[in-house]
Amino acid sequence: MPHLRRTYLVPAELEDDFAAEMWAAGTVGVEIGKGPDGRVRIDAYFPAGAPGIEVAGWHGVVPAGEETVPETDWLAAYRERAQPFAVGRTLWVDPREPEDAVEPAPDGRRLLRLPARGAFGIGSHESTRLAIEMLEELEVAGLDVLDVGTGTGILAFVALMRGARSATGYDNDPAAPFYARDNARRNGFGVRLFAGPAAALKARARFDLALANVVPEQVLPDLPAIAALLAPGGGMVLSGILRERGEEMLAAIAGLGFAERARRADGEWIAFHVAQGAP
């Protein structure tokens, strides 16, 4: 399907912050290059029909055009020049083409082959790294895990690597479960996957831990349905949250009977581990 490409000229000192704003606004991909007068050019791709973005609060950011572009694999160039990289304490992610030669992972790390395609979450973004680092601190063995907005499936895979009994992933993007399915087969994982909202799961389904690396605009409406799927004492790992919206997220989960147990932050992003009951 076609996408909407929005171009912005951004002061160099705001490059990281504005790119983070684009991810929070729902971009499916960002390209960054040189712009005029020492500024940075940021091309952000959105689904066709995505609502406009207000940049008045960003001093020096200038919208430089918007156009509909045909469906294209704009990550192909990235895959050609990409190299494997470490994520957290345990992962070694290879985002290249599936047919490229595979080098062994460094000692103590598990290789994950996640070709950079259309689904979000290969471990290069701060929010994904935060969720993985938090998972590495939790006792996951024997748990039934729900991966909300599964994208590439990476969080479900990490949970299974750490001994989860089962992993179920879903995404509102109908293409994402197909990417996750291919990645699961490529890496030898068994994950139940579907497209749709949390409400599509049977009411009697019960999970011990939910993983949600999803911006607040997308996850907040779904939080009551997600909470209802958790077994007594269940918890959530919540990432994809800009620091400035952290308290808003904590207030929302407090209203559902959850309290903060831990947090991690990286740059403009923050992640929480929350669980039912008082802290």
Protein backbone atom coordinates (compact mmCIF):
# COMPACT_ATOMS: atom_id res chain seq x y z
CA MET A 1 0.00 0.00 0.00
CA PRO A 2 1.20 3.60 -0.57
CA HIS A 3 2.74 5.63 2.20
CA LEU A 4 2.84 9.30 3.12
CA ARG A 5 6.35 10.77 3.19
CA ARG A 6 6.73 13.91 5.27
CA THR A 7 9.97 15.86 5.03
CA TYR A 8 11.31 18.19 7.72
CA LEU A 9 14.40 20.38 7.98
CA VAL A 10 15.62 20.12 11.55
CA PRO A 11 18.41 21.89 13.47
CA ALA A 12 21.22 19.37 14.02
CA GLU A 13 20.94 19.61 17.81
CA LEU A 14 17.29 18.49 17.62
CA GLU A 15 17.88 15.50 15.31
CA ASP A 16 17.49 12.77 17.95
CA ASP A 17 14.59 14.41 19.77
CA PHE A 18 12.60 15.10 16.61
CA ALA A 19 13.23 11.60 15.25
CA ALA A 20 11.91 10.27 18.56
CA GLU A 21 8.83 12.48 18.12
CA MET A 22 8.24 10.89 14.71
CA TRP A 23 8.35 7.39 16.21
CA ALA A 24 5.94 8.48 18.92
CA ALA A 25 3.63 9.85 16.22
CA GLY A 26 3.48 6.46 14.51
CA THR A 27 6.03 6.59 11.71
CA VAL A 28 6.84 3.26 10.07
CA GLY A 29 10.31 4.41 9.02
CA VAL A 30 12.66 7.38 9.19
CA GLU A 31 15.47 8.43 6.86
CA ILE A 32 17.97 11.05 8.01
CA GLY A 33 20.32 12.94 5.71
CA LYS A 34 22.02 16.29 5.19
CA GLY A 35 19.88 19.35 4.68
CA PRO A 36 20.73 22.94 3.74
CA ASP A 37 22.41 25.45 6.05
CA GLY A 38 23.78 22.82 8.42
CA ARG A 39 20.36 21.41 9.16
CA VAL A 40 19.30 17.77 9.01
CA ARG A 41 16.70 16.45 6.58
CA ILE A 42 14.31 13.94 8.13
CA ASP A 43 11.96 11.96 5.90
CA ALA A 44 9.31 10.20 7.99
CA TYR A 45 6.98 7.65 6.41
CA PHE A 46 3.41 7.20 7.63
CA PRO A 47 0.44 5.11 6.54
CA ALA A 48 -1.63 6.88 3.91
CA GLY A 49 -4.23 9.10 5.57
CA ALA A 50 -2.27 9.53 8.82
CA PRO A 51 -3.24 12.71 10.72
CA GLY A 52 -1.07 15.79 10.44
CA ILE A 53 1.73 16.59 12.89
CA GLU A 54 1.98 19.94 14.65
CA VAL A 55 5.56 21.26 14.70
CA ALA A 56 4.90 24.75 16.06
CA GLY A 57 6.48 23.79 19.38
CA TRP A 58 9.72 22.73 17.70
CA HIS A 59 11.83 25.88 17.28
CA GLY A 60 13.65 25.84 13.97
CA VAL A 61 11.89 22.78 12.53
CA VAL A 62 10.50 23.51 9.06
CA PRO A 63 8.08 21.23 7.19
CA ALA A 64 9.58 20.80 3.71
CA GLY A 65 6.98 18.83 1.84
CA GLU A 66 4.57 15.94 1.94
CA GLU A 67 3.82 13.42 -0.79
CA THR A 68 2.27 10.03 -1.31
CA VAL A 69 4.83 7.47 -2.46
CA PRO A 70 4.19 3.97 -3.79
CA GLU A 71 4.94 1.00 -1.61
CA THR A 72 8.67 0.53 -1.57
CA ASP A 73 11.28 -1.31 0.43
CA TRP A 74 13.08 1.78 1.74
CA LEU A 75 15.03 -0.39 4.21
CA ALA A 76 16.80 -2.28 1.41
CA ALA A 77 19.76 0.11 1.43
CA TYR A 78 20.01 -0.20 5.20
CA ARG A 79 20.11 -4.00 5.01
CA GLU A 80 22.88 -3.81 2.42
CA ARG A 81 25.20 -1.82 4.67
CA ALA A 82 24.01 -3.07 8.07
CA GLN A 83 26.15 -5.14 10.40
CA PRO A 84 25.10 -7.33 13.36
CA PHE A 85 24.97 -5.53 16.70
CA ALA A 86 24.61 -6.29 20.40
CA VAL A 87 21.36 -5.64 22.27
CA GLY A 88 21.15 -5.94 26.03
CA ARG A 89 23.35 -8.54 27.71
CA THR A 90 22.21 -11.54 25.69
CA LEU A 91 21.38 -10.74 22.05
CA TRP A 92 23.32 -10.42 18.81
CA VAL A 93 20.92 -9.13 16.14
CA ASP A 94 21.62 -9.52 12.42
CA PRO A 95 19.31 -7.21 10.37
CA ARG A 96 20.72 -8.13 6.94
CA GLU A 97 19.18 -10.05 4.06
CA PRO A 98 18.35 -13.66 5.02
CA GLU A 99 20.69 -15.07 2.38
CA ASP A 100 23.74 -13.15 3.66
CA ALA A 101 26.51 -15.13 5.32
CA VAL A 102 25.98 -15.71 9.03
CA GLU A 103 28.85 -15.18 11.45
CA PRO A 104 28.62 -16.77 14.89
CA ALA A 105 27.51 -14.56 17.75
CA PRO A 106 30.10 -13.53 20.33
CA ASP A 107 30.39 -15.79 23.35
CA GLY A 108 27.49 -15.42 25.73
CA ARG A 109 25.10 -13.97 23.15
CA ARG A 110 22.28 -15.53 21.13
CA LEU A 111 22.06 -14.76 17.41
CA LEU A 112 18.72 -13.45 16.17
CA ARG A 113 18.23 -13.01 12.43
CA LEU A 114 15.72 -10.18 12.00
CA PRO A 115 15.90 -8.73 8.48
CA ALA A 116 14.90 -5.07 8.63
CA ARG A 117 11.57 -5.05 6.81
CA GLY A 118 8.31 -3.24 7.46
CA ALA A 119 7.69 -4.36 11.05
CA PHE A 120 9.06 -2.40 14.00
CA GLY A 121 11.53 -3.79 16.51
CA ILE A 122 14.95 -5.10 15.51
CA GLY A 123 16.58 -3.76 18.67
CA SER A 124 18.15 -0.62 17.23
CA HIS A 125 15.60 1.76 18.78
CA GLU A 126 15.92 2.83 22.40
CA SER A 127 12.41 1.69 23.30
CA THR A 128 13.06 -1.87 22.09
CA ARG A 129 16.40 -2.01 23.88
CA LEU A 130 14.79 -0.81 27.11
CA ALA A 131 12.12 -3.52 26.95
CA ILE A 132 14.75 -6.20 26.30
CA GLU A 133 17.00 -4.97 29.12
CA MET A 134 14.03 -5.04 31.48
CA LEU A 135 13.11 -8.57 30.38
CA GLU A 136 16.68 -9.63 31.14
CA GLU A 137 16.16 -8.51 34.74
CA LEU A 138 12.88 -10.38 35.25
CA GLU A 139 12.21 -14.00 36.15
CA VAL A 140 10.36 -15.19 33.04
CA ALA A 141 10.87 -18.96 33.22
CA GLY A 142 7.57 -20.86 33.14
CA LEU A 143 5.42 -17.81 32.35
CA ASP A 144 2.79 -17.43 29.64
CA VAL A 145 3.63 -14.18 27.84
CA LEU A 146 1.53 -11.83 25.69
CA ASP A 147 3.44 -9.61 23.23
CA VAL A 148 1.33 -6.54 22.47
CA GLY A 149 2.12 -4.94 19.10
CA THR A 150 4.55 -7.75 18.33
CA GLY A 151 6.16 -6.19 15.23
CA THR A 152 9.11 -8.41 14.34
CA GLY A 153 8.37 -10.67 17.31
CA ILE A 154 11.62 -9.79 19.06
CA LEU A 155 10.17 -9.41 22.57
CA ALA A 156 8.31 -12.72 22.32
CA PHE A 157 11.56 -14.36 21.19
CA VAL A 158 13.51 -12.92 24.14
CA ALA A 159 10.84 -14.16 26.55
CA LEU A 160 11.10 -17.67 25.09
CA MET A 161 14.89 -17.51 25.24
CA ARG A 162 14.57 -16.76 28.94
CA GLY A 163 12.38 -19.80 29.53
CA ALA A 164 8.81 -18.57 29.06
CA ARG A 165 6.39 -21.47 28.73
CA SER A 166 4.53 -19.87 25.83
CA ALA A 167 4.39 -16.63 23.84
CA THR A 168 1.44 -15.14 22.01
CA GLY A 169 1.86 -12.02 19.89
CA TYR A 170 -0.60 -9.75 18.15
CA ASP A 171 -0.48 -6.51 16.20
CA ASN A 172 -3.03 -4.12 14.73
CA ASP A 173 -0.84 -3.91 11.61
CA PRO A 174 -2.11 -6.88 9.57
CA ALA A 175 1.32 -7.39 7.97
CA ALA A 176 3.29 -7.59 11.24
CA PRO A 177 2.30 -11.14 12.27
CA PHE A 178 3.55 -12.41 8.91
CA TYR A 179 6.95 -10.78 9.49
CA ALA A 180 6.97 -12.21 13.02
CA ARG A 181 5.99 -15.67 11.74
CA ASP A 182 8.86 -15.69 9.25
CA ASN A 183 11.28 -14.51 11.93
CA ALA A 184 10.04 -17.18 14.34
CA ARG A 185 10.68 -19.90 11.76
CA ARG A 186 14.05 -18.41 10.84
CA ASN A 187 15.19 -18.49 14.47
CA GLY A 188 13.50 -21.68 15.64
CA PHE A 189 10.78 -20.28 17.92
CA GLY A 190 7.16 -21.30 18.32
CA VAL A 191 4.90 -18.27 18.78
CA ARG A 192 1.14 -17.97 18.41
CA LEU A 193 0.44 -14.90 16.27
CA PHE A 194 -2.60 -12.98 15.05
CA ALA A 195 -3.64 -9.60 13.70
CA GLY A 196 -6.22 -7.59 15.59
CA PRO A 197 -6.88 -6.12 19.05
CA ALA A 198 -6.50 -7.75 22.47
CA ALA A 199 -10.28 -8.20 22.56
CA ALA A 200 -9.92 -10.86 19.84
CA LEU A 201 -8.47 -13.25 22.44
CA LYS A 202 -10.87 -15.50 24.28
CA ALA A 203 -11.94 -14.10 27.63
CA ARG A 204 -10.63 -17.18 29.42
CA ALA A 205 -7.09 -16.66 28.06
CA ARG A 206 -4.74 -15.87 30.91
CA PHE A 207 -1.18 -14.57 30.76
CA ASP A 208 1.39 -13.94 33.45
CA LEU A 209 3.22 -11.11 31.71
CA ALA A 210 2.32 -8.66 28.94
CA LEU A 211 5.01 -6.91 26.89
CA ALA A 212 4.03 -3.66 25.17
CA ASN A 213 6.59 -1.62 23.25
CA VAL A 214 3.88 0.64 21.87
CA VAL A 215 3.40 4.42 21.94
CA PRO A 216 0.75 5.62 24.43
CA GLU A 217 -1.70 6.71 21.71
CA GLN A 218 -1.96 3.12 20.56
CA VAL A 219 -1.73 1.18 23.82
CA LEU A 220 -3.77 3.29 26.25
CA PRO A 221 -7.18 2.42 24.71
CA ASP A 222 -6.24 -1.28 24.84
CA LEU A 223 -4.89 -1.35 28.41
CA PRO A 224 -8.16 -2.44 30.11
CA ALA A 225 -8.51 -5.38 27.69
CA ILE A 226 -4.85 -6.32 28.22
CA ALA A 227 -5.20 -6.13 32.00
CA ALA A 228 -8.27 -8.37 31.86
CA LEU A 229 -6.18 -11.06 30.15
CA LEU A 230 -3.64 -11.23 32.97
CA ALA A 231 -3.75 -13.87 35.67
CA PRO A 232 -3.88 -12.71 39.33
CA GLY A 233 -0.52 -11.21 40.21
CA GLY A 234 0.36 -10.67 36.55
CA GLY A 235 2.52 -7.84 35.30
CA MET A 236 3.44 -5.76 32.28
CA VAL A 237 6.58 -4.36 30.69
CA LEU A 238 5.62 -1.03 29.11
CA SER A 239 7.99 0.72 26.71
CA GLY A 240 7.65 3.06 23.71
CA ILE A 241 7.04 5.93 26.15
CA LEU A 242 8.65 9.35 25.98
CA ARG A 243 9.89 10.47 29.41
CA GLU A 244 7.49 13.41 29.38
CA ARG A 245 4.56 10.98 29.19
CA GLY A 246 5.79 8.56 31.82
CA GLU A 247 3.57 9.86 34.62
CA GLU A 248 0.54 9.75 32.31
CA MET A 249 1.19 6.06 31.68
CA LEU A 250 1.69 5.31 35.38
CA ALA A 251 -1.57 7.06 36.21
CA ALA A 252 -3.40 4.98 33.61
CA ILE A 253 -2.11 1.66 34.91
CA ALA A 254 -2.70 2.72 38.53
CA GLY A 255 -6.37 3.09 37.66
CA LEU A 256 -6.32 -0.57 36.60
CA GLY A 257 -4.77 -1.76 39.86
CA PHE A 258 -1.11 -1.86 38.76
CA ALA A 259 1.87 -0.26 40.46
CA GLU A 260 5.40 0.45 39.31
CA ARG A 261 8.02 -2.14 40.23
CA ALA A 262 11.00 -0.90 38.19
CA ARG A 263 11.96 1.55 35.46
CA ARG A 264 14.73 2.05 32.92
CA ALA A 265 15.48 5.11 30.80
CA ASP A 266 17.57 5.85 27.71
CA GLY A 267 17.67 9.33 26.23
CA GLU A 268 14.12 10.57 25.69
CA TRP A 269 12.57 7.14 26.33
CA ILE A 270 11.47 5.33 29.47
CA ALA A 271 10.14 1.86 30.24
CA PHE A 272 8.32 0.45 33.27
CA HIS A 273 7.74 -2.91 34.86
CA VAL A 274 4.37 -2.80 36.59
CA ALA A 275 2.43 -5.47 38.49
CA GLN A 276 -0.91 -5.86 40.20
CA GLY A 277 -1.21 -4.73 43.79
CA ALA A 278 0.59 -2.22 45.97
CA PRO A 279 4.29 -1.57 45.33
